């Protein structure tokens, strides 16, 4: 049989082992809950930006605003292009074909309350806008913009260059909201 001290030692070891198992089990549950929470948040974020292009790489910007791109491109830093950028194709807000035709270049970062936390600069010889209802929001475009589609919008952004519209009708169908244009805003002759 066991002596009193050996029996107490085994009970003590048993309690320690039980405590370790209990703590490890709780830790796994918390870790699993954290992983599930992160996975859920990531899935929700993925749904929101399902067709969004988010990058600071020039090649991603060119692809993101091409006919094969998406309804929005969000820059994550300043971007410089050495060739003209053609914004082409018809897209819908959040890729919902029952929504309005809409395309956006977001030159900014925002927090969870949608407060702008940083603005970026796109340096490009010329942006050629062929997508209807294309909006440049926040940030700065260093270069010219040629508008060949209806519904162009500049919102809280700066253009260090000229903005030229292919026709008076296109200029009349545009929206300027809090923008600064350092060059001329004209209709092509």
Protein backbone atom coordinates (compact mmCIF):
# COMPACT_ATOMS: atom_id res chain seq x y z
CA UNK A 1 0.00 0.00 0.00
CA UNK A 2 0.91 3.66 -0.29
CA UNK A 3 2.29 5.71 2.50
CA UNK A 4 0.59 8.94 3.45
CA UNK A 5 3.28 11.14 1.87
CA UNK A 6 3.36 9.13 -1.39
CA UNK A 7 -0.43 9.21 -1.60
CA UNK A 8 -0.44 13.00 -1.03
CA UNK A 9 2.27 13.40 -3.69
CA UNK A 10 0.27 11.44 -6.22
CA UNK A 11 -2.88 13.44 -5.43
CA UNK A 12 -0.87 16.65 -5.80
CA UNK A 13 0.56 15.49 -9.15
CA UNK A 14 -2.91 14.43 -10.27
CA UNK A 15 -4.32 17.85 -9.39
CA UNK A 16 -1.46 19.59 -11.23
CA UNK A 17 -2.02 17.42 -14.30
CA UNK A 18 -5.76 18.15 -14.18
CA UNK A 19 -5.07 21.87 -13.87
CA UNK A 20 -2.67 21.77 -16.83
CA UNK A 21 -5.21 19.89 -18.95
CA UNK A 22 -7.94 22.33 -17.92
CA UNK A 23 -5.81 25.39 -18.75
CA UNK A 24 -4.67 23.88 -22.05
CA UNK A 25 -8.26 23.08 -22.95
CA UNK A 26 -9.40 26.62 -22.17
CA UNK A 27 -6.52 28.02 -24.15
CA UNK A 28 -7.47 25.94 -27.16
CA UNK A 29 -11.07 27.11 -26.93
CA UNK A 30 -9.96 30.75 -26.79
CA UNK A 31 -7.52 30.18 -29.64
CA UNK A 32 -10.25 28.44 -31.66
CA UNK A 33 -12.67 31.27 -30.89
CA UNK A 34 -10.05 33.83 -31.93
CA UNK A 35 -9.36 31.94 -35.17
CA UNK A 36 -13.10 31.70 -35.88
CA UNK A 37 -13.48 35.43 -35.20
CA UNK A 38 -10.57 36.29 -37.51
CA UNK A 39 -11.92 33.95 -40.19
CA UNK A 40 -15.36 35.53 -39.90
CA UNK A 41 -13.93 39.06 -40.12
CA UNK A 42 -11.78 38.08 -43.07
CA UNK A 43 -14.76 36.53 -44.85
CA UNK A 44 -16.85 39.65 -44.24
CA UNK A 45 -14.01 41.86 -45.50
CA UNK A 46 -13.58 39.63 -48.53
CA UNK A 47 -17.28 40.01 -49.36
CA UNK A 48 -17.05 43.80 -49.16
CA UNK A 49 -14.05 43.99 -51.47
CA UNK A 50 -14.82 40.90 -53.53
CA UNK A 51 -13.94 42.58 -56.80
CA UNK A 52 -11.79 45.38 -55.47
CA UNK A 53 -8.17 45.76 -56.44
CA UNK A 54 -6.05 46.99 -53.56
CA UNK A 55 -2.35 47.62 -54.17
CA UNK A 56 0.46 50.09 -54.67
CA UNK A 57 2.02 48.25 -57.62
CA UNK A 58 1.81 50.10 -60.96
CA UNK A 59 1.00 46.91 -62.88
CA UNK A 60 -1.91 46.18 -60.52
CA UNK A 61 -3.30 49.68 -61.08
CA UNK A 62 -3.11 49.30 -64.87
CA UNK A 63 -4.82 45.90 -64.71
CA UNK A 64 -7.33 46.99 -62.04
CA UNK A 65 -8.64 49.86 -64.16
CA UNK A 66 -8.56 48.01 -67.49
CA UNK A 67 -11.55 46.30 -69.12
CA UNK A 68 -10.56 43.12 -67.24
CA UNK A 69 -10.32 44.94 -63.89
CA UNK A 70 -12.94 45.65 -61.26
CA UNK A 71 -15.33 48.39 -60.24
CA UNK A 72 -12.81 49.92 -57.81
CA UNK A 73 -9.08 50.28 -57.39
CA UNK A 74 -7.81 51.39 -53.98
CA UNK A 75 -4.21 52.57 -53.77
CA UNK A 76 -2.22 51.72 -50.66
CA UNK A 77 0.66 54.14 -51.36
CA UNK A 78 1.90 56.58 -54.00
CA UNK A 79 2.07 55.09 -57.52
CA UNK A 80 4.08 56.26 -60.53
CA UNK A 81 3.34 55.20 -64.11
CA UNK A 82 5.61 56.03 -67.04
CA UNK A 83 2.90 55.39 -69.64
CA UNK A 84 -0.68 56.63 -70.02
CA UNK A 85 -3.37 54.91 -67.96
CA UNK A 86 -6.52 53.88 -69.83
CA UNK A 87 -9.61 53.41 -67.65
CA UNK A 88 -11.84 51.18 -69.78
CA UNK A 89 -14.93 49.01 -69.45
CA UNK A 90 -18.39 49.35 -67.95
CA UNK A 91 -18.77 48.31 -64.32
CA UNK A 92 -21.44 48.44 -61.65
CA UNK A 93 -21.24 49.63 -58.06
CA UNK A 94 -19.84 46.73 -56.00
CA UNK A 95 -20.22 44.54 -59.13
CA UNK A 96 -23.99 44.42 -58.58
CA UNK A 97 -25.55 44.58 -62.06
CA UNK A 98 -28.80 45.83 -60.55
CA UNK A 99 -26.91 48.86 -59.16
CA UNK A 100 -25.79 51.98 -61.01
CA UNK A 101 -22.92 51.98 -63.48
CA UNK A 102 -19.94 53.10 -61.41
CA UNK A 103 -16.14 52.95 -61.36
CA UNK A 104 -13.79 54.37 -58.73
CA UNK A 105 -10.14 55.15 -58.11
CA UNK A 106 -9.60 55.59 -54.36
CA UNK A 107 -6.35 57.43 -53.66
CA UNK A 108 -6.72 57.20 -49.89
CA UNK A 109 -6.83 54.97 -46.82
CA UNK A 110 -9.62 55.04 -44.27
CA UNK A 111 -10.35 53.69 -40.81
CA UNK A 112 -13.30 51.52 -39.78
CA UNK A 113 -15.43 54.67 -39.44
CA UNK A 114 -14.58 55.60 -43.04
CA UNK A 115 -12.53 58.59 -41.92
CA UNK A 116 -9.71 59.31 -44.39
CA UNK A 117 -6.41 58.53 -42.67
CA UNK A 118 -3.97 58.98 -45.60
CA UNK A 119 -4.01 60.27 -49.17
CA UNK A 120 -1.83 59.07 -52.03
CA UNK A 121 -0.43 60.50 -55.25
CA UNK A 122 -0.74 58.94 -58.69
CA UNK A 123 1.89 60.28 -61.07
CA UNK A 124 1.04 59.49 -64.70
CA UNK A 125 1.49 61.24 -68.07
CA UNK A 126 -2.24 61.04 -68.88
CA UNK A 127 -5.31 59.23 -67.57
CA UNK A 128 -7.68 58.46 -70.44
CA UNK A 129 -11.18 57.91 -69.05
CA UNK A 130 -13.30 55.59 -71.22
CA UNK A 131 -15.41 54.10 -68.37
CA UNK A 132 -18.74 55.82 -67.71
CA UNK A 133 -19.31 57.24 -64.22
CA UNK A 134 -15.63 57.08 -63.27
CA UNK A 135 -14.78 58.79 -59.99
CA UNK A 136 -11.40 59.81 -58.61
CA UNK A 137 -11.73 60.29 -54.87
CA UNK A 138 -9.20 62.02 -52.59
CA UNK A 139 -5.49 62.09 -53.23
CA UNK A 140 -3.58 63.78 -56.03
CA UNK A 141 -3.16 63.03 -59.72
CA UNK A 142 0.05 64.50 -61.11
CA UNK A 143 -0.63 64.45 -64.84
CA UNK A 144 -3.37 65.24 -67.31
CA UNK A 145 -6.83 63.67 -67.56
CA UNK A 146 -8.70 63.20 -70.84
CA UNK A 147 -12.39 62.38 -70.40
CA UNK A 148 -14.09 60.39 -73.17
CA UNK A 149 -17.03 59.00 -71.15
CA UNK A 150 -20.06 60.46 -69.40
CA UNK A 151 -20.33 60.95 -65.65
CA UNK A 152 -16.72 61.75 -64.68
CA UNK A 153 -16.31 62.88 -61.05
CA UNK A 154 -13.51 64.44 -59.05
CA UNK A 155 -14.20 64.32 -55.32
CA UNK A 156 -11.93 65.95 -52.74
CA UNK A 157 -8.96 65.40 -55.02
CA UNK A 158 -6.25 67.46 -56.65
CA UNK A 159 -5.18 67.33 -60.29
CA UNK A 160 -1.77 68.83 -60.99
CA UNK A 161 -2.36 69.02 -64.71
CA UNK A 162 -5.10 69.68 -67.25
CA UNK A 163 -8.53 68.09 -67.51
CA UNK A 164 -9.79 67.89 -71.09
CA UNK A 165 -13.24 66.68 -72.13
CA UNK A 166 -13.95 65.28 -75.60
CA UNK A 167 -17.17 67.33 -75.75
CA UNK A 168 -19.12 70.00 -73.94
CA UNK A 169 -21.78 67.39 -73.14
CA UNK A 170 -19.22 65.26 -71.29
CA UNK A 171 -18.02 68.30 -69.36
CA UNK A 172 -21.60 69.23 -68.47
CA UNK A 173 -22.26 65.66 -67.26
CA UNK A 174 -19.26 65.76 -64.88
CA UNK A 175 -19.21 66.48 -61.17
CA UNK A 176 -16.57 68.45 -59.33
CA UNK A 177 -16.81 68.27 -55.54
CA UNK A 178 -14.01 69.73 -53.42
CA UNK A 179 -11.42 69.35 -56.14
CA UNK A 180 -8.43 71.48 -57.09
CA UNK A 181 -7.20 71.58 -60.69
CA UNK A 182 -3.95 73.46 -61.20
CA UNK A 183 -4.09 73.33 -65.00
CA UNK A 184 -6.85 74.16 -67.45
CA UNK A 185 -10.26 72.52 -67.65
CA UNK A 186 -11.26 72.57 -71.32
CA UNK A 187 -13.19 70.91 -74.11
CA UNK A 188 -11.09 69.38 -76.90
CA UNK A 189 -11.09 71.35 -80.11
